[in-house]
Protein backbone atom coordinates (compact mmCIF):
# COMPACT_ATOMS: atom_id res chain seq x y z
CA MET A 1 0.00 0.00 0.00
CA GLY A 2 1.45 3.32 -1.05
CA LEU A 3 1.80 6.44 1.02
CA MET A 4 -1.12 8.07 -0.81
CA ASP A 5 -3.36 5.08 -0.06
CA GLN A 6 -2.39 5.18 3.60
CA GLY A 7 -3.15 8.89 3.77
CA LYS A 8 -6.51 8.38 2.10
CA MET A 9 -7.35 5.54 4.49
CA LEU A 10 -6.38 7.65 7.50
CA TRP A 11 -8.48 10.56 6.23
CA LYS A 12 -11.49 8.27 5.72
CA ALA A 13 -11.03 6.71 9.16
CA LYS A 14 -11.03 10.17 10.77
CA GLN A 15 -14.10 11.10 8.76
CA VAL A 16 -15.95 7.98 9.94
CA GLN A 17 -14.86 8.64 13.53
CA GLY A 18 -16.34 12.14 13.29
CA GLU A 19 -19.59 10.77 11.90
CA LEU A 20 -19.80 8.17 14.66
CA LYS A 21 -19.24 10.82 17.31
CA LYS A 22 -22.23 12.79 15.96
CA THR A 23 -24.49 9.75 15.44
CA GLU A 24 -26.94 9.18 18.27
CA ILE A 25 -28.58 5.82 18.88
CA GLU A 26 -31.59 5.52 21.16
CA ALA A 27 -32.95 2.45 22.92
CA LYS A 28 -36.11 2.23 25.04
CA SER A 29 -36.93 -0.45 27.57
CA ASN A 30 -39.87 -2.73 26.82
CA ASP A 31 -41.64 -1.51 29.96
CA GLY A 32 -41.14 2.14 28.93
CA LEU A 33 -39.31 3.03 32.13
CA VAL A 34 -35.91 3.78 30.60
CA THR A 35 -34.59 5.55 27.50
CA VAL A 36 -30.87 5.51 26.77
CA VAL A 37 -28.94 7.48 24.14
CA VAL A 38 -25.37 6.61 23.11
CA ASN A 39 -23.29 7.88 20.23
CA GLY A 40 -21.60 5.82 17.53
CA GLU A 41 -18.42 5.76 19.61
CA MET A 42 -20.44 3.93 22.30
CA HIS A 43 -20.30 6.82 24.74
CA LEU A 44 -23.35 7.29 26.95
CA LYS A 45 -25.01 10.60 26.09
CA ASP A 46 -28.31 10.50 28.00
CA ILE A 47 -30.47 8.40 30.30
CA LYS A 48 -34.11 9.29 30.83
CA LEU A 49 -36.40 7.71 33.37
CA SER A 50 -40.17 7.91 33.05
CA ASP A 51 -42.17 9.18 36.01
CA ASP A 52 -43.28 5.58 36.57
CA ALA A 53 -39.64 4.52 36.91
CA LEU A 54 -39.37 6.45 40.16
CA SER A 55 -42.09 4.34 41.73
CA ALA A 56 -40.90 1.06 40.17
CA ASP A 57 -39.37 -1.79 42.10
CA LYS A 58 -35.62 -1.17 42.46
CA ARG A 59 -34.65 -4.57 41.03
CA ASN A 60 -36.99 -4.08 38.05
CA LEU A 61 -35.56 -0.63 37.35
CA GLU A 62 -31.99 -1.92 37.59
CA GLU A 63 -32.80 -4.72 35.15
CA SER A 64 -34.46 -2.26 32.73
CA LEU A 65 -31.40 0.01 32.90
CA LYS A 66 -29.01 -2.87 32.28
CA LYS A 67 -30.96 -4.28 29.32
CA THR A 68 -31.60 -0.89 27.72
CA ILE A 69 -27.98 0.26 28.00
CA SER A 70 -26.84 -3.05 26.58
CA GLU A 71 -29.26 -2.73 23.66
CA ALA A 72 -28.12 0.83 22.90
CA LEU A 73 -24.46 -0.22 22.94
CA SER A 74 -25.21 -3.21 20.72
CA ARG A 75 -26.94 -0.95 18.19
CA ALA A 76 -24.02 1.51 18.30
CA GLN A 77 -21.60 -1.33 17.67
CA ALA A 78 -23.63 -2.43 14.64
CA VAL A 79 -23.64 1.14 13.26
CA ALA A 80 -19.87 1.42 13.73
CA ALA A 81 -19.28 -1.95 12.06
CA GLU A 82 -21.44 -0.97 9.08
CA LYS A 83 -19.63 2.33 8.59
CA THR A 84 -16.27 0.55 8.84
CA ARG A 85 -17.44 -2.02 6.29
CA GLU A 86 -18.41 0.79 3.90
CA VAL A 87 -14.98 2.43 4.19
CA MET A 88 -13.17 -0.88 3.70
CA LYS A 89 -15.31 -1.62 0.64
CA ASP A 90 -14.61 1.84 -0.78
CA MET A 91 -10.90 1.17 -0.32
CA GLY A 92 -11.20 -2.13 -2.19
CA MET A 93 -10.58 -4.15 0.95
CA ASN A 94 -13.06 -6.95 1.55
CA LEU A 95 -12.30 -8.57 4.88
CA PRO A 96 -14.28 -11.69 5.80
CA GLY A 97 -16.43 -11.17 8.85
CA MET A 98 -16.54 -7.39 8.41
C-alpha cells in the first residue's frame, strides 16, 4: 500500500470517527421506564427515566437500565461496524467477517 493510499485511508477513518461521534442511537426499555442514548463511539449521552420509573421496584428498574444500556451499545456497535465495512469496501478491501 502506497503512502497516498495510507493517507486516504487515514483521512477516511477520521471522517468515519467524526460521523460516529455525531451519530446518536436511542434504545427504550420494553416496559417504557428507561430511554438511553449513546453515540456511535459507544459513549453514553443521556439516560431518561419515566415518572413511573421512580415508583418502580428497584430490582426491576436496575434490570431495565441494564438491558436498555446493553441494547443501545449493541446498536451503536452495529452502526460502527457498518460504517467501517463501507470504508473498507470503498478502499477495495473486503475482509471476511466485516
